[in-house]
């Protein structure tokens, strides 16, 4: 259990988290609101893993059944979900970059 708790934050898709964080804090961090937005984003990005770990720690039998069903569904739908998610993120980042290139003069 402790090994999983330590490894979970290290195995996240940090590239996507970093791209989202760069979008969230497009402004500088000298303002408290920008810092709060970044903190909130990182908390939101890691909250699903944290929620599953807490659930498994406090209700292991129930979590084993429900998270097992979630694992089966994710394994069955992993490829299409990744394609759609990463295509969306990629199109967003390319679109934002094109906009920035064309709007600066």
N, C-alpha and C. Protein backbone atom coordinates (compact mmCIF):
# COMPACT_ATOMS: atom_id res chain seq x y z
N UNK A 1 0.82 -1.20 0.00
CA UNK A 1 0.00 0.00 0.00
C UNK A 1 0.87 1.26 0.00
N UNK A 2 1.92 1.27 0.81
CA UNK A 2 2.76 2.47 0.89
C UNK A 2 3.58 2.65 -0.38
N UNK A 3 3.97 1.53 -1.00
CA UNK A 3 4.71 1.64 -2.25
C UNK A 3 3.85 2.28 -3.33
N UNK A 4 2.58 1.90 -3.37
CA UNK A 4 1.66 2.48 -4.35
C UNK A 4 1.44 3.96 -4.07
N UNK A 5 1.37 4.33 -2.81
CA UNK A 5 1.17 5.74 -2.46
C UNK A 5 2.37 6.59 -2.86
N UNK A 6 3.55 6.02 -2.81
CA UNK A 6 4.76 6.76 -3.18
C UNK A 6 4.92 6.80 -4.70
N UNK A 7 4.61 5.70 -5.37
CA UNK A 7 4.80 5.64 -6.82
C UNK A 7 3.74 6.38 -7.61
N UNK A 8 2.54 6.51 -7.11
CA UNK A 8 1.44 7.13 -7.87
C UNK A 8 1.77 8.54 -8.36
N UNK A 9 2.27 9.44 -7.52
CA UNK A 9 2.58 10.78 -8.04
C UNK A 9 3.73 10.77 -9.05
N UNK A 10 4.62 9.80 -8.95
CA UNK A 10 5.77 9.75 -9.86
C UNK A 10 5.39 9.22 -11.24
N UNK A 11 4.29 8.49 -11.34
CA UNK A 11 3.91 7.86 -12.59
C UNK A 11 2.79 8.59 -13.33
N UNK A 12 2.46 9.78 -12.92
CA UNK A 12 1.42 10.55 -13.60
C UNK A 12 1.94 11.07 -14.94
N UNK A 13 1.02 11.42 -15.82
CA UNK A 13 1.45 12.01 -17.10
C UNK A 13 1.82 13.47 -16.90
N UNK A 14 3.03 13.70 -16.38
CA UNK A 14 3.43 15.05 -16.00
C UNK A 14 3.56 15.99 -17.19
N UNK A 15 3.74 15.46 -18.39
CA UNK A 15 3.78 16.32 -19.57
C UNK A 15 2.47 17.04 -19.77
N UNK A 16 1.36 16.32 -19.59
CA UNK A 16 0.04 16.95 -19.71
C UNK A 16 -0.21 17.92 -18.56
N UNK A 17 0.23 17.54 -17.38
CA UNK A 17 0.07 18.43 -16.23
C UNK A 17 0.86 19.72 -16.45
N UNK A 18 2.07 19.61 -16.97
CA UNK A 18 2.89 20.79 -17.22
C UNK A 18 2.28 21.68 -18.30
N UNK A 19 1.73 21.06 -19.37
CA UNK A 19 1.09 21.85 -20.42
C UNK A 19 -0.13 22.59 -19.87
N UNK A 20 -0.89 21.93 -19.04
CA UNK A 20 -2.03 22.59 -18.42
C UNK A 20 -1.61 23.68 -17.46
N UNK A 21 -0.57 23.43 -16.70
CA UNK A 21 -0.09 24.44 -15.75
C UNK A 21 0.45 25.66 -16.49
N UNK A 22 1.11 25.45 -17.62
CA UNK A 22 1.60 26.59 -18.40
C UNK A 22 0.45 27.42 -18.93
N UNK A 23 -0.65 26.77 -19.27
CA UNK A 23 -1.83 27.49 -19.73
C UNK A 23 -2.48 28.25 -18.58
N UNK A 24 -2.55 27.60 -17.41
CA UNK A 24 -3.19 28.24 -16.26
C UNK A 24 -2.42 29.47 -15.82
N UNK A 25 -1.12 29.40 -15.81
CA UNK A 25 -0.32 30.52 -15.31
C UNK A 25 0.34 31.27 -16.46
N UNK A 26 -0.43 31.57 -17.45
CA UNK A 26 0.11 32.37 -18.55
C UNK A 26 0.55 33.73 -18.02
N UNK A 27 -0.07 34.17 -16.95
CA UNK A 27 0.36 35.40 -16.28
C UNK A 27 1.52 35.05 -15.34
N UNK A 28 2.14 36.07 -14.77
CA UNK A 28 3.26 35.81 -13.86
C UNK A 28 2.77 35.38 -12.49
N UNK A 29 3.66 34.78 -11.72
CA UNK A 29 3.30 34.29 -10.39
C UNK A 29 3.47 35.34 -9.31
N UNK A 30 3.70 36.58 -9.69
CA UNK A 30 3.83 37.61 -8.67
C UNK A 30 2.46 37.98 -8.10
N UNK A 31 1.40 37.64 -8.81
CA UNK A 31 0.06 37.90 -8.30
C UNK A 31 -0.44 36.68 -7.54
N UNK A 32 -1.08 36.91 -6.43
CA UNK A 32 -1.58 35.81 -5.61
C UNK A 32 -2.63 35.00 -6.35
N UNK A 33 -3.42 35.65 -7.20
CA UNK A 33 -4.47 34.92 -7.91
C UNK A 33 -3.88 33.93 -8.91
N UNK A 34 -2.79 34.28 -9.58
CA UNK A 34 -2.14 33.36 -10.50
C UNK A 34 -1.55 32.17 -9.75
N UNK A 35 -0.95 32.44 -8.61
CA UNK A 35 -0.40 31.36 -7.79
C UNK A 35 -1.51 30.45 -7.30
N UNK A 36 -2.63 31.02 -6.87
CA UNK A 36 -3.76 30.21 -6.41
C UNK A 36 -4.34 29.38 -7.54
N UNK A 37 -4.39 29.95 -8.75
CA UNK A 37 -4.89 29.19 -9.90
C UNK A 37 -3.98 28.01 -10.22
N UNK A 38 -2.68 28.21 -10.16
CA UNK A 38 -1.74 27.11 -10.40
C UNK A 38 -1.87 26.03 -9.34
N UNK A 39 -1.95 26.43 -8.09
CA UNK A 39 -2.10 25.48 -7.00
C UNK A 39 -3.39 24.68 -7.15
N UNK A 40 -4.48 25.38 -7.47
CA UNK A 40 -5.76 24.70 -7.68
C UNK A 40 -5.73 23.74 -8.84
N UNK A 41 -5.06 24.13 -9.91
CA UNK A 41 -4.95 23.24 -11.07
C UNK A 41 -4.17 21.98 -10.72
N UNK A 42 -3.04 22.13 -10.07
CA UNK A 42 -2.23 20.96 -9.70
C UNK A 42 -2.99 20.06 -8.73
N UNK A 43 -3.74 20.65 -7.82
CA UNK A 43 -4.55 19.87 -6.89
C UNK A 43 -5.64 19.11 -7.64
N UNK A 44 -6.27 19.77 -8.60
CA UNK A 44 -7.29 19.11 -9.40
C UNK A 44 -6.69 18.00 -10.25
N UNK A 45 -5.51 18.24 -10.80
CA UNK A 45 -4.86 17.25 -11.66
C UNK A 45 -4.48 15.98 -10.90
N UNK A 46 -4.20 16.09 -9.63
CA UNK A 46 -3.79 14.92 -8.85
C UNK A 46 -4.90 14.39 -7.95
N UNK A 47 -6.04 15.06 -7.91
CA UNK A 47 -7.09 14.68 -6.97
C UNK A 47 -7.71 13.32 -7.27
N UNK A 48 -7.80 12.92 -8.53
CA UNK A 48 -8.40 11.62 -8.83
C UNK A 48 -7.55 10.48 -8.27
N UNK A 49 -6.24 10.58 -8.43
CA UNK A 49 -5.37 9.54 -7.86
C UNK A 49 -5.41 9.56 -6.34
N UNK A 50 -5.42 10.73 -5.78
CA UNK A 50 -5.49 10.85 -4.33
C UNK A 50 -6.80 10.28 -3.80
N UNK A 51 -7.91 10.57 -4.49
CA UNK A 51 -9.21 10.06 -4.06
C UNK A 51 -9.24 8.52 -4.10
N UNK A 52 -8.66 7.93 -5.14
CA UNK A 52 -8.64 6.47 -5.22
C UNK A 52 -7.76 5.86 -4.13
N UNK A 53 -6.65 6.50 -3.82
CA UNK A 53 -5.78 5.98 -2.77
C UNK A 53 -6.44 6.07 -1.40
N UNK A 54 -7.11 7.20 -1.13
CA UNK A 54 -7.79 7.35 0.15
C UNK A 54 -8.93 6.35 0.26
N UNK A 55 -9.69 6.19 -0.85
CA UNK A 55 -10.79 5.22 -0.88
C UNK A 55 -10.28 3.82 -0.60
N UNK A 56 -9.18 3.44 -1.23
CA UNK A 56 -8.61 2.11 -1.03
C UNK A 56 -8.07 1.93 0.39
N UNK A 57 -7.61 2.99 0.98
CA UNK A 57 -7.06 2.89 2.34
C UNK A 57 -8.16 2.73 3.39
N UNK A 58 -9.30 3.42 3.19
CA UNK A 58 -10.34 3.41 4.22
C UNK A 58 -11.44 2.39 3.98
N UNK A 59 -11.63 1.94 2.74
CA UNK A 59 -12.64 0.93 2.43
C UNK A 59 -12.05 -0.07 1.42
N UNK A 60 -11.11 -0.87 1.86
CA UNK A 60 -10.38 -1.72 0.91
C UNK A 60 -11.26 -2.74 0.18
N UNK A 61 -12.24 -3.33 0.85
CA UNK A 61 -13.06 -4.34 0.18
C UNK A 61 -13.93 -3.72 -0.90
N UNK A 62 -14.61 -2.64 -0.55
CA UNK A 62 -15.45 -1.95 -1.52
C UNK A 62 -14.63 -1.35 -2.65
N UNK A 63 -13.48 -0.80 -2.31
CA UNK A 63 -12.62 -0.20 -3.32
C UNK A 63 -12.08 -1.25 -4.27
N UNK A 64 -11.79 -2.44 -3.76
CA UNK A 64 -11.27 -3.51 -4.62
C UNK A 64 -12.29 -3.86 -5.71
N UNK A 65 -13.56 -3.93 -5.34
CA UNK A 65 -14.60 -4.27 -6.31
C UNK A 65 -14.81 -3.13 -7.30
N UNK A 66 -15.01 -1.92 -6.79
CA UNK A 66 -15.32 -0.79 -7.67
C UNK A 66 -14.13 -0.37 -8.53
N UNK A 67 -12.95 -0.31 -7.94
CA UNK A 67 -11.78 0.06 -8.72
C UNK A 67 -11.39 -1.05 -9.70
N UNK A 68 -11.72 -2.29 -9.36
CA UNK A 68 -11.50 -3.38 -10.30
C UNK A 68 -12.38 -3.23 -11.54
N UNK A 69 -13.64 -2.85 -11.33
CA UNK A 69 -14.54 -2.59 -12.47
C UNK A 69 -14.03 -1.42 -13.30
N UNK A 70 -13.54 -0.38 -12.63
CA UNK A 70 -12.99 0.77 -13.34
C UNK A 70 -11.77 0.36 -14.15
N UNK A 71 -10.91 -0.48 -13.60
CA UNK A 71 -9.73 -0.95 -14.31
C UNK A 71 -10.11 -1.74 -15.56
N UNK A 72 -11.12 -2.61 -15.44
CA UNK A 72 -11.56 -3.40 -16.60
C UNK A 72 -12.09 -2.48 -17.69
N UNK A 73 -12.88 -1.48 -17.31
CA UNK A 73 -13.43 -0.55 -18.30
C UNK A 73 -12.30 0.25 -18.96
N UNK A 74 -11.36 0.73 -18.15
CA UNK A 74 -10.25 1.51 -18.70
C UNK A 74 -9.38 0.67 -19.64
N UNK A 75 -9.15 -0.59 -19.29
CA UNK A 75 -8.36 -1.44 -20.17
C UNK A 75 -9.07 -1.69 -21.49
N UNK A 76 -10.39 -1.78 -21.46
CA UNK A 76 -11.15 -2.01 -22.68
C UNK A 76 -11.22 -0.77 -23.56
N UNK A 77 -11.17 0.42 -22.95
CA UNK A 77 -11.35 1.66 -23.70
C UNK A 77 -10.11 2.56 -23.69
N UNK A 78 -8.97 2.04 -23.33
CA UNK A 78 -7.77 2.85 -23.16
C UNK A 78 -7.31 3.50 -24.47
N UNK A 79 -7.20 2.73 -25.52
CA UNK A 79 -6.67 3.28 -26.77
C UNK A 79 -7.55 4.39 -27.35
N UNK A 80 -8.86 4.18 -27.50
CA UNK A 80 -9.67 5.28 -28.04
C UNK A 80 -9.68 6.51 -27.13
N UNK A 81 -9.69 6.30 -25.82
CA UNK A 81 -9.71 7.43 -24.90
C UNK A 81 -8.41 8.23 -25.01
N UNK A 82 -7.28 7.55 -25.09
CA UNK A 82 -6.00 8.25 -25.22
C UNK A 82 -5.91 9.01 -26.54
N UNK A 83 -6.39 8.40 -27.61
CA UNK A 83 -6.34 9.08 -28.90
C UNK A 83 -7.16 10.36 -28.86
N UNK A 84 -8.37 10.28 -28.34
CA UNK A 84 -9.24 11.46 -28.30
C UNK A 84 -8.68 12.51 -27.36
N UNK A 85 -8.24 12.11 -26.18
CA UNK A 85 -7.70 13.06 -25.21
C UNK A 85 -6.44 13.75 -25.74
N UNK A 86 -5.49 12.98 -26.22
CA UNK A 86 -4.24 13.57 -26.68
C UNK A 86 -4.41 14.36 -27.97
N UNK A 87 -5.34 13.95 -28.82
CA UNK A 87 -5.64 14.73 -30.02
C UNK A 87 -6.22 16.08 -29.63
N UNK A 88 -7.13 16.07 -28.66
CA UNK A 88 -7.71 17.33 -28.20
C UNK A 88 -6.68 18.26 -27.59
N UNK A 89 -5.82 17.71 -26.73
CA UNK A 89 -4.78 18.52 -26.10
C UNK A 89 -3.81 19.04 -27.16
N UNK A 90 -3.42 18.19 -28.09
CA UNK A 90 -2.50 18.61 -29.15
C UNK A 90 -3.09 19.70 -30.03
N UNK A 91 -4.35 19.55 -30.43
CA UNK A 91 -5.00 20.58 -31.25
C UNK A 91 -5.11 21.89 -30.49
N UNK A 92 -5.41 21.81 -29.20
CA UNK A 92 -5.49 23.03 -28.39
C UNK A 92 -4.14 23.73 -28.34
N UNK A 93 -3.08 22.97 -28.07
CA UNK A 93 -1.75 23.58 -27.96
C UNK A 93 -1.27 24.14 -29.30
N UNK A 94 -1.53 23.43 -30.39
CA UNK A 94 -1.14 23.92 -31.72
C UNK A 94 -1.95 25.17 -32.06
N UNK A 95 -3.24 25.15 -31.79
CA UNK A 95 -4.07 26.32 -32.06
C UNK A 95 -3.64 27.53 -31.27
N UNK A 96 -3.32 27.32 -30.00
CA UNK A 96 -2.86 28.43 -29.18
C UNK A 96 -1.54 28.99 -29.68
N UNK A 97 -0.64 28.09 -30.10
CA UNK A 97 0.65 28.55 -30.63
C UNK A 97 0.49 29.31 -31.93
N UNK A 98 -0.37 28.83 -32.81
CA UNK A 98 -0.62 29.53 -34.07
C UNK A 98 -1.22 30.90 -33.80
N UNK A 99 -2.14 30.97 -32.85
CA UNK A 99 -2.73 32.26 -32.50
C UNK A 99 -1.68 33.22 -31.98
N UNK A 100 -0.78 32.74 -31.12
CA UNK A 100 0.26 33.59 -30.58
C UNK A 100 1.23 34.04 -31.66
N UNK A 101 1.53 33.17 -32.61
CA UNK A 101 2.44 33.54 -33.69
C UNK A 101 1.82 34.60 -34.61
N UNK A 102 0.53 34.48 -34.88
CA UNK A 102 -0.12 35.39 -35.80
C UNK A 102 -0.55 36.69 -35.14
N UNK A 103 -0.75 36.70 -33.82
CA UNK A 103 -1.23 37.91 -33.17
C UNK A 103 -0.11 38.84 -32.74
N UNK A 104 1.13 38.35 -32.62
CA UNK A 104 2.23 39.22 -32.24
C UNK A 104 2.84 39.83 -33.50
N UNK A 105 3.20 41.05 -33.42
CA UNK A 105 3.71 41.67 -34.61
C UNK A 105 4.93 42.39 -34.38
